Amino acid sequence: MKELVTYCKTRKSALNLVLEKAPESYTVETFHELRVEIKKMKALLQLAAFCNKKFKPRKTFLPFRSIFKQAGKVRELQLQQTLIEEQPNFTLLKKYPNQLKKLQSKAIKKFFLLAKIRLIKKLKKKYRILIYFLAKTDKTKLNHYRNKTRKQVKKLLGKPAFKKNEMHNFRKQLKVYQYNEKILPIDQSSKLIATLMALSDFLGEWHDYEVAILHLKKTIEFYNRNSTERKHLKTIKAMVTLKRELLFHKINATLPCKTFL
């Protein structure tokens, strides 16, 4: 399909534009943009695999995976710093802020060792394979894929509430649905679009809190039980945990999404 090929080439250009940037020009937003572009590409691979049984999405995604994971580590540490700095007792911390900066520097250095011209050449081969299968994609199969994913999301949105262990998987499903729906948009009410966007933002924020809490748990263990640093970190963890719980209830208050049913 021409539309799928055009969309793939657009994503390819957007991703290469980020990868070709000089290391010193990378910002927090750049790493986020890179991750989003790779997620869009991964969603497209899922679509291609559904419509073409001979297409191998895991093998095609392999060179994307390494930079995606490393950019994710950088992104998590950057978000951790932002979140920690927002807490009232951040200024009381002495060692942890420096530790966090060192971890960021190390993760960024490793990222740029992976994101070289050689990687872009590897990605070119994968783009050619993907474009070949997308060009062969039948519109009937594409519509079948869209109807199936829409039904899956619709079913989840109709739930009275989410359990905590369901949140992350639903977040990923919703993102895939949103990315691929933008290729060939269908008629939807503005109220529905606004609801999905709000829910997606809430889920993203909830996941950030989840990652921060996990990181804090590991960090706290390194400090002496009676140390002041440990005490302040435990207070910050309690604050972040409370925010996560409040957001969890806010997300469930959004369900079920009647506008989708």
C-alpha atoms as a PDB file:
ATOM      1  CA  MET A   1       0.000   0.000   0.000  1.00  0.00           C
ATOM      2  CA  LYS A   2       1.275   3.391  -1.003  1.00  0.00           C
ATOM      3  CA  GLU A   3       0.112   5.055   2.236  1.00  0.00           C
ATOM      4  CA  LEU A   4       2.033   2.570   4.395  1.00  0.00           C
ATOM      5  CA  VAL A   5       5.219   2.988   2.351  1.00  0.00           C
ATOM      6  CA  THR A   6       4.952   6.788   2.583  1.00  0.00           C
ATOM      7  CA  TYR A   7       4.420   6.620   6.343  1.00  0.00           C
ATOM      8  CA  CYS A   8       7.406   4.278   6.761  1.00  0.00           C
ATOM      9  CA  LYS A   9       9.662   6.626   4.777  1.00  0.00           C
ATOM     10  CA  THR A  10       8.488   9.551   6.934  1.00  0.00           C
ATOM     11  CA  ARG A  11       9.369   7.636  10.104  1.00  0.00           C
ATOM     12  CA  LYS A  12      12.722   6.639   8.607  1.00  0.00           C
ATOM     13  CA  SER A  13      13.584  10.284   7.842  1.00  0.00           C
ATOM     14  CA  ALA A  14      12.499  11.446  11.302  1.00  0.00           C
ATOM     15  CA  LEU A  15      14.570   8.769  13.062  1.00  0.00           C
ATOM     16  CA  ASN A  16      17.671   9.334  10.923  1.00  0.00           C
ATOM     17  CA  LEU A  17      17.410  13.065  11.583  1.00  0.00           C
ATOM     18  CA  VAL A  18      17.723  12.389  15.314  1.00  0.00           C
ATOM     19  CA  LEU A  19      20.504   9.802  14.963  1.00  0.00           C
ATOM     20  CA  GLU A  20      22.573  12.103  12.753  1.00  0.00           C
ATOM     21  CA  LYS A  21      22.578  14.920  15.299  1.00  0.00           C
ATOM     22  CA  ALA A  22      25.850  15.825  16.977  1.00  0.00           C
ATOM     23  CA  PRO A  23      26.158  14.376  20.515  1.00  0.00           C
ATOM     24  CA  GLU A  24      26.487  17.866  22.039  1.00  0.00           C
ATOM     25  CA  SER A  25      23.118  18.902  20.557  1.00  0.00           C
ATOM     26  CA  TYR A  26      21.226  16.080  22.324  1.00  0.00           C
ATOM     27  CA  THR A  27      18.830  17.206  25.055  1.00  0.00           C
ATOM     28  CA  VAL A  28      16.302  15.471  27.299  1.00  0.00           C
ATOM     29  CA  GLU A  29      13.712  16.062  24.553  1.00  0.00           C
ATOM     30  CA  THR A  30      15.993  14.503  21.908  1.00  0.00           C
ATOM     31  CA  PHE A  31      16.192  11.193  23.753  1.00  0.00           C
ATOM     32  CA  HIS A  32      12.412  11.261  24.201  1.00  0.00           C
ATOM     33  CA  GLU A  33      11.888  12.002  20.496  1.00  0.00           C
ATOM     34  CA  LEU A  34      14.197   9.133  19.540  1.00  0.00           C
ATOM     35  CA  ARG A  35      12.295   6.686  21.736  1.00  0.00           C
ATOM     36  CA  VAL A  36       8.933   7.789  20.348  1.00  0.00           C
ATOM     37  CA  GLU A  37      10.113   7.377  16.745  1.00  0.00           C
ATOM     38  CA  ILE A  38      11.376   3.856  17.439  1.00  0.00           C
ATOM     39  CA  LYS A  39       8.077   2.996  19.161  1.00  0.00           C
ATOM     40  CA  LYS A  40       6.214   4.168  16.064  1.00  0.00           C
ATOM     41  CA  MET A  41       8.473   2.009  13.910  1.00  0.00           C
ATOM     42  CA  LYS A  42       7.919  -0.986  16.195  1.00  0.00           C
ATOM     43  CA  ALA A  43       4.149  -0.493  15.965  1.00  0.00           C
ATOM     44  CA  LEU A  44       4.453  -0.454  12.178  1.00  0.00           C
ATOM     45  CA  LEU A  45       6.429  -3.729  12.301  1.00  0.00           C
ATOM     46  CA  GLN A  46       3.565  -5.271  14.265  1.00  0.00           C
ATOM     47  CA  LEU A  47       1.099  -4.141  11.612  1.00  0.00           C
ATOM     48  CA  ALA A  48       3.310  -5.510   8.813  1.00  0.00           C
ATOM     49  CA  ALA A  49       3.660  -8.870  10.581  1.00  0.00           C
ATOM     50  CA  PHE A  50      -0.114  -9.219  10.964  1.00  0.00           C
ATOM     51  CA  CYS A  51      -0.719  -8.493   7.273  1.00  0.00           C
ATOM     52  CA  ASN A  52       2.267 -10.506   5.949  1.00  0.00           C
ATOM     53  CA  LYS A  53       2.921 -13.870   7.584  1.00  0.00           C
ATOM     54  CA  LYS A  54       6.406 -14.175   6.019  1.00  0.00           C
ATOM     55  CA  PHE A  55       7.576 -10.934   7.589  1.00  0.00           C
ATOM     56  CA  LYS A  56       9.779 -11.383  10.687  1.00  0.00           C
ATOM     57  CA  PRO A  57       9.298  -8.387  13.021  1.00  0.00           C
ATOM     58  CA  ARG A  58      11.768  -9.469  15.753  1.00  0.00           C
ATOM     59  CA  LYS A  59      14.619  -9.946  13.311  1.00  0.00           C
ATOM     60  CA  THR A  60      13.857  -6.634  11.623  1.00  0.00           C
ATOM     61  CA  PHE A  61      13.659  -4.783  14.939  1.00  0.00           C
ATOM     62  CA  LEU A  62      16.971  -6.177  16.233  1.00  0.00           C
ATOM     63  CA  PRO A  63      19.253  -3.210  15.293  1.00  0.00           C
ATOM     64  CA  PHE A  64      16.645  -0.745  16.606  1.00  0.00           C
ATOM     65  CA  ARG A  65      16.465  -2.609  19.910  1.00  0.00           C
ATOM     66  CA  SER A  66      19.978  -1.829  21.142  1.00  0.00           C
ATOM     67  CA  ILE A  67      19.697   1.965  20.804  1.00  0.00           C
ATOM     68  CA  PHE A  68      16.092   1.873  22.039  1.00  0.00           C
ATOM     69  CA  LYS A  69      17.094   0.120  25.262  1.00  0.00           C
ATOM     70  CA  GLN A  70      20.118   2.344  25.878  1.00  0.00           C
ATOM     71  CA  ALA A  71      18.173   5.526  25.103  1.00  0.00           C
ATOM     72  CA  GLY A  72      15.591   4.209  27.574  1.00  0.00           C
ATOM     73  CA  LYS A  73      18.211   3.941  30.310  1.00  0.00           C
ATOM     74  CA  VAL A  74      19.296   7.532  29.648  1.00  0.00           C
ATOM     75  CA  ARG A  75      15.690   8.690  29.562  1.00  0.00           C
ATOM     76  CA  GLU A  76      14.856   6.978  32.861  1.00  0.00           C
ATOM     77  CA  LEU A  77      17.798   8.630  34.625  1.00  0.00           C
ATOM     78  CA  GLN A  78      16.847  12.037  33.179  1.00  0.00           C
ATOM     79  CA  LEU A  79      13.258  11.627  34.348  1.00  0.00           C
ATOM     80  CA  GLN A  80      14.523  10.454  37.724  1.00  0.00           C
ATOM     81  CA  GLN A  81      16.515  13.650  38.121  1.00  0.00           C
ATOM     82  CA  THR A  82      13.574  15.833  37.087  1.00  0.00           C
ATOM     83  CA  LEU A  83      11.218  14.034  39.443  1.00  0.00           C
ATOM     84  CA  ILE A  84      13.643  14.122  42.388  1.00  0.00           C
ATOM     85  CA  GLU A  85      14.321  17.835  41.906  1.00  0.00           C
ATOM     86  CA  GLU A  86      10.577  18.509  42.211  1.00  0.00           C
ATOM     87  CA  GLN A  87      10.479  17.089  45.748  1.00  0.00           C
ATOM     88  CA  PRO A  88      10.536  19.533  48.722  1.00  0.00           C
ATOM     89  CA  ASN A  89      13.539  17.923  50.440  1.00  0.00           C
ATOM     90  CA  PHE A  90      15.703  17.580  47.311  1.00  0.00           C
ATOM     91  CA  THR A  91      18.128  20.258  48.559  1.00  0.00           C
ATOM     92  CA  LEU A  92      18.799  18.149  51.673  1.00  0.00           C
ATOM     93  CA  LEU A  93      20.373  15.370  49.591  1.00  0.00           C
ATOM     94  CA  LYS A  94      24.172  15.473  49.455  1.00  0.00           C
ATOM     95  CA  LYS A  95      25.446  12.381  47.622  1.00  0.00           C
ATOM     96  CA  TYR A  96      22.567  11.125  45.490  1.00  0.00           C
ATOM     97  CA  PRO A  97      22.360  14.048  42.981  1.00  0.00           C
ATOM     98  CA  ASN A  98      26.034  13.582  42.062  1.00  0.00           C
ATOM     99  CA  GLN A  99      25.568   9.827  41.840  1.00  0.00           C
ATOM    100  CA  LEU A 100      22.639  10.354  39.468  1.00  0.00           C
ATOM    101  CA  LYS A 101      24.669  12.688  37.236  1.00  0.00           C
ATOM    102  CA  LYS A 102      27.501  10.150  37.008  1.00  0.00           C
ATOM    103  CA  LEU A 103      25.060   7.410  36.030  1.00  0.00           C
ATOM    104  CA  GLN A 104      23.611   9.683  33.341  1.00  0.00           C
ATOM    105  CA  SER A 105      27.038  10.495  31.904  1.00  0.00           C
ATOM    106  CA  LYS A 106      27.934   6.812  31.767  1.00  0.00           C
ATOM    107  CA  ALA A 107      24.623   5.870  30.083  1.00  0.00           C
ATOM    108  CA  ILE A 108      24.922   8.706  27.528  1.00  0.00           C
ATOM    109  CA  LYS A 109      28.491   7.724  26.666  1.00  0.00           C
ATOM    110  CA  LYS A 110      27.401   4.136  26.049  1.00  0.00           C
ATOM    111  CA  PHE A 111      24.488   5.354  23.903  1.00  0.00           C
ATOM    112  CA  PHE A 112      26.767   7.261  21.528  1.00  0.00           C
ATOM    113  CA  LEU A 113      29.043   4.234  21.203  1.00  0.00           C
ATOM    114  CA  LEU A 114      26.025   2.382  19.823  1.00  0.00           C
ATOM    115  CA  ALA A 115      24.512   5.193  17.726  1.00  0.00           C
ATOM    116  CA  LYS A 116      27.186   5.374  15.034  1.00  0.00           C
ATOM    117  CA  ILE A 117      27.045   5.638  11.228  1.00  0.00           C
ATOM    118  CA  ARG A 118      27.479   1.848  11.106  1.00  0.00           C
ATOM    119  CA  LEU A 119      24.127   1.478  12.869  1.00  0.00           C
ATOM    120  CA  ILE A 120      22.353   3.729  10.334  1.00  0.00           C
ATOM    121  CA  LYS A 121      23.701   1.475   7.564  1.00  0.00           C
ATOM    122  CA  LYS A 122      22.260  -1.572   9.346  1.00  0.00           C
ATOM    123  CA  LEU A 123      18.918   0.179   9.681  1.00  0.00           C
ATOM    124  CA  LYS A 124      18.851   0.929   5.925  1.00  0.00           C
ATOM    125  CA  LYS A 125      18.756  -2.810   5.167  1.00  0.00           C
ATOM    126  CA  LYS A 126      15.855  -3.287   7.567  1.00  0.00           C
ATOM    127  CA  TYR A 127      13.947  -0.355   6.052  1.00  0.00           C
ATOM    128  CA  ARG A 128      14.215  -1.956   2.600  1.00  0.00           C
ATOM    129  CA  ILE A 129      12.795  -5.233   3.912  1.00  0.00           C
ATOM    130  CA  LEU A 130       9.966  -3.469   5.731  1.00  0.00           C
ATOM    131  CA  ILE A 131       9.057  -1.277   2.746  1.00  0.00           C
ATOM    132  CA  TYR A 132       8.968  -4.356   0.502  1.00  0.00           C
ATOM    133  CA  PHE A 133       6.347  -6.020   2.718  1.00  0.00           C
ATOM    134  CA  LEU A 134       4.370  -2.828   3.304  1.00  0.00           C
ATOM    135  CA  ALA A 135       4.109  -2.299  -0.463  1.00  0.00           C
ATOM    136  CA  LYS A 136       2.607  -5.801  -0.736  1.00  0.00           C
ATOM    137  CA  THR A 137       0.128  -5.258   2.095  1.00  0.00           C
ATOM    138  CA  ASP A 138      -3.481  -5.839   1.117  1.00  0.00           C
ATOM    139  CA  LYS A 139      -6.003  -3.206   2.184  1.00  0.00           C
ATOM    140  CA  THR A 140      -8.456  -5.885   3.337  1.00  0.00           C
ATOM    141  CA  LYS A 141      -5.852  -7.327   5.726  1.00  0.00           C
ATOM    142  CA  LEU A 142      -4.971  -3.842   6.938  1.00  0.00           C
ATOM    143  CA  ASN A 143      -8.615  -3.122   7.743  1.00  0.00           C
ATOM    144  CA  HIS A 144      -8.832  -6.482   9.517  1.00  0.00           C
ATOM    145  CA  TYR A 145      -5.799  -5.524  11.640  1.00  0.00           C
ATOM    146  CA  ARG A 146      -7.292  -2.136  12.504  1.00  0.00           C
ATOM    147  CA  ASN A 147     -10.662  -3.639  13.440  1.00  0.00           C
ATOM    148  CA  LYS A 148      -8.988  -6.260  15.611  1.00  0.00           C
ATOM    149  CA  THR A 149      -6.779  -3.787  17.507  1.00  0.00           C
ATOM    150  CA  ARG A 150      -9.687  -1.404  17.893  1.00  0.00           C
ATOM    151  CA  LYS A 151     -11.817  -4.176  19.441  1.00  0.00           C
ATOM    152  CA  GLN A 152      -8.988  -5.116  21.815  1.00  0.00           C
ATOM    153  CA  VAL A 153      -8.579  -1.534  23.017  1.00  0.00           C
ATOM    154  CA  LYS A 154     -12.347  -1.084  23.163  1.00  0.00           C
ATOM    155  CA  LYS A 155     -12.638  -4.130  25.429  1.00  0.00           C
ATOM    156  CA  LEU A 156      -9.939  -2.836  27.768  1.00  0.00           C
ATOM    157  CA  LEU A 157     -11.433   0.658  27.878  1.00  0.00           C
ATOM    158  CA  GLY A 158     -14.754  -0.882  28.887  1.00  0.00           C
ATOM    159  CA  LYS A 159     -13.274  -2.347  32.073  1.00  0.00           C
ATOM    160  CA  PRO A 160     -14.626  -0.893  35.316  1.00  0.00           C
ATOM    161  CA  ALA A 161     -11.056  -0.628  36.640  1.00  0.00           C
ATOM    162  CA  PHE A 162      -7.477  -1.745  36.026  1.00  0.00           C
ATOM    163  CA  LYS A 163      -5.366  -3.838  38.347  1.00  0.00           C
ATOM    164  CA  LYS A 164      -1.859  -2.471  38.878  1.00  0.00           C
ATOM    165  CA  ASN A 165      -0.214  -5.346  37.018  1.00  0.00           C
ATOM    166  CA  GLU A 166      -2.383  -4.586  33.951  1.00  0.00           C
ATOM    167  CA  MET A 167      -1.450  -0.927  33.600  1.00  0.00           C
ATOM    168  CA  HIS A 168       1.866  -1.198  31.763  1.00  0.00           C
ATOM    169  CA  ASN A 169       0.648  -3.719  29.183  1.00  0.00           C
ATOM    170  CA  PHE A 170      -2.425  -1.635  28.463  1.00  0.00           C
ATOM    171  CA  ARG A 171      -0.244   1.455  28.076  1.00  0.00           C
ATOM    172  CA  LYS A 172       1.818  -0.324  25.412  1.00  0.00           C
ATOM    173  CA  GLN A 173      -1.288  -1.616  23.608  1.00  0.00           C
ATOM    174  CA  LEU A 174      -2.863   1.823  23.590  1.00  0.00           C
ATOM    175  CA  LYS A 175       0.300   3.404  22.176  1.00  0.00           C
ATOM    176  CA  VAL A 176       0.507   0.871  19.331  1.00  0.00           C
ATOM    177  CA  TYR A 177      -3.141   1.490  18.531  1.00  0.00           C
ATOM    178  CA  GLN A 178      -2.704   5.281  18.568  1.00  0.00           C
ATOM    179  CA  TYR A 179       0.436   5.245  16.408  1.00  0.00           C
ATOM    180  CA  ASN A 180      -0.993   2.977  13.718  1.00  0.00           C
ATOM    181  CA  GLU A 181      -4.368   4.704  13.646  1.00  0.00           C
ATOM    182  CA  LYS A 182      -2.613   7.906  12.546  1.00  0.00           C
ATOM    183  CA  ILE A 183      -1.478   6.241   9.298  1.00  0.00           C
ATOM    184  CA  LEU A 184      -5.012   6.066   7.922  1.00  0.00           C
ATOM    185  CA  PRO A 185      -7.183   7.958  10.414  1.00  0.00           C
ATOM    186  CA  ILE A 186     -10.816   7.003  10.756  1.00  0.00           C
ATOM    187  CA  ASP A 187     -13.712   9.242  11.756  1.00  0.00           C
ATOM    188  CA  GLN A 188     -13.748   9.655  15.513  1.00  0.00           C
ATOM    189  CA  SER A 189     -15.422  12.135  17.812  1.00  0.00           C
ATOM    190  CA  SER A 190     -13.209  14.842  19.297  1.00  0.00           C
ATOM    191  CA  LYS A 191     -14.407  13.701  22.725  1.00  0.00           C
ATOM    192  CA  LEU A 192     -13.041  10.196  22.123  1.00  0.00           C
ATOM    193  CA  ILE A 193      -9.678  11.505  20.886  1.00  0.00           C
ATOM    194  CA  ALA A 194      -9.399  13.795  23.923  1.00  0.00           C
ATOM    195  CA  THR A 195     -10.245  10.885  26.269  1.00  0.00           C
ATOM    196  CA  LEU A 196      -7.623   8.597  24.715  1.00  0.00           C
ATOM    197  CA  MET A 197      -4.957  11.308  24.811  1.00  0.00           C
ATOM    198  CA  ALA A 198      -5.674  12.103  28.459  1.00  0.00           C
ATOM    199  CA  LEU A 199      -5.621   8.419  29.398  1.00  0.00           C
ATOM    200  CA  SER A 200      -2.371   7.875  27.486  1.00  0.00           C
ATOM    201  CA  ASP A 201      -0.746  10.845  29.275  1.00  0.00           C
ATOM    202  CA  PHE A 202      -1.910   9.566  32.680  1.00  0.00           C
ATOM    203  CA  LEU A 203      -0.518   6.094  31.942  1.00  0.00           C
ATOM    204  CA  GLY A 204       2.815   7.583  30.847  1.00  0.00           C
ATOM    205  CA  GLU A 205       3.079   9.621  34.040  1.00  0.00           C
ATOM    206  CA  TRP A 206       2.121   6.570  36.122  1.00  0.00           C
ATOM    207  CA  HIS A 207       4.886   4.545  34.440  1.00  0.00           C
ATOM    208  CA  ASP A 208       7.423   7.297  35.205  1.00  0.00           C
ATOM    209  CA  TYR A 209       6.516   7.037  38.895  1.00  0.00           C
ATOM    210  CA  GLU A 210       6.838   3.241  38.734  1.00  0.00           C
ATOM    211  CA  VAL A 211      10.354   3.490  37.280  1.00  0.00           C
ATOM    212  CA  ALA A 212      11.360   6.179  39.815  1.00  0.00           C
ATOM    213  CA  ILE A 213      10.172   4.105  42.775  1.00  0.00           C
ATOM    214  CA  LEU A 214      12.053   1.026  41.546  1.00  0.00           C
ATOM    215  CA  HIS A 215      15.224   3.089  41.111  1.00  0.00           C
ATOM    216  CA  LEU A 216      14.842   4.627  44.568  1.00  0.00           C
ATOM    217  CA  LYS A 217      14.381   1.188  46.161  1.00  0.00           C
ATOM    218  CA  LYS A 218      17.681   0.008  44.683  1.00  0.00           C
ATOM    219  CA  THR A 219      19.466   3.254  45.589  1.00  0.00           C
ATOM    220  CA  ILE A 220      18.308   3.289  49.213  1.00  0.00           C
ATOM    221  CA  GLU A 221      19.898  -0.133  49.785  1.00  0.00           C
ATOM    222  CA  PHE A 222      23.370   1.313  49.082  1.00  0.00           C
ATOM    223  CA  TYR A 223      23.222   3.766  51.964  1.00  0.00           C
ATOM    224  CA  ASN A 224      23.816   3.002  55.602  1.00  0.00           C
ATOM    225  CA  ARG A 225      20.593   2.347  57.530  1.00  0.00           C
ATOM    226  CA  ASN A 226      21.208   5.204  59.917  1.00  0.00           C
ATOM    227  CA  SER A 227      22.466   7.694  57.315  1.00  0.00           C
ATOM    228  CA  THR A 228      20.725  11.024  56.723  1.00  0.00           C
ATOM    229  CA  GLU A 229      20.858  10.438  52.943  1.00  0.00           C
ATOM    230  CA  ARG A 230      18.881   7.210  53.291  1.00  0.00           C
ATOM    231  CA  LYS A 231      16.318   8.951  55.471  1.00  0.00           C
ATOM    232  CA  HIS A 232      15.721  11.718  52.905  1.00  0.00           C
ATOM    233  CA  LEU A 233      15.555   9.242  50.015  1.00  0.00           C
ATOM    234  CA  LYS A 234      12.951   7.177  51.883  1.00  0.00           C
ATOM    235  CA  THR A 235      10.879  10.330  52.414  1.00  0.00           C
ATOM    236  CA  ILE A 236      11.074  11.131  48.680  1.00  0.00           C
ATOM    237  CA  LYS A 237      10.113   7.538  47.829  1.00  0.00           C
ATOM    238  CA  ALA A 238       7.054   7.822  50.109  1.00  0.00           C
ATOM    239  CA  MET A 239       6.009  11.065  48.360  1.00  0.00           C
ATOM    240  CA  VAL A 240       6.428   9.576  44.877  1.00  0.00           C
ATOM    241  CA  THR A 241       4.544   6.430  45.934  1.00  0.00           C
ATOM    242  CA  LEU A 242       1.640   8.563  47.153  1.00  0.00           C
ATOM    243  CA  LYS A 243       1.551  10.450  43.832  1.00  0.00           C
ATOM    244  CA  ARG A 244       1.551   7.160  41.960  1.00  0.00           C
ATOM    245  CA  GLU A 245      -1.394   5.881  44.029  1.00  0.00           C
ATOM    246  CA  LEU A 246      -3.396   9.060  43.453  1.00  0.00           C
ATOM    247  CA  LEU A 247      -2.744   8.814  39.715  1.00  0.00           C
ATOM    248  CA  PHE A 248      -3.733   5.131  39.721  1.00  0.00           C
ATOM    249  CA  HIS A 249      -7.153   6.064  41.116  1.00  0.00           C
ATOM    250  CA  LYS A 250      -7.415   8.959  38.652  1.00  0.00           C
ATOM    251  CA  ILE A 251      -6.845   6.582  35.729  1.00  0.00           C
ATOM    252  CA  ASN A 252      -9.470   4.164  36.988  1.00  0.00           C
ATOM    253  CA  ALA A 253     -11.872   7.073  37.458  1.00  0.00           C
ATOM    254  CA  THR A 254     -11.562   7.654  33.687  1.00  0.00           C
ATOM    255  CA  LEU A 255     -12.888   4.118  33.050  1.00  0.00           C
ATOM    256  CA  PRO A 256     -15.011   2.787  31.560  1.00  0.00           C
ATOM    257  CA  CYS A 257     -14.710   5.059  28.520  1.00  0.00           C
ATOM    258  CA  LYS A 258     -18.345   5.130  27.456  1.00  0.00           C
ATOM    259  CA  THR A 259     -17.545   7.266  24.396  1.00  0.00           C
ATOM    260  CA  PHE A 260     -15.617   4.324  22.946  1.00  0.00           C
ATOM    261  CA  LEU A 261     -18.377   1.736  23.416  1.00  0.00           C
END
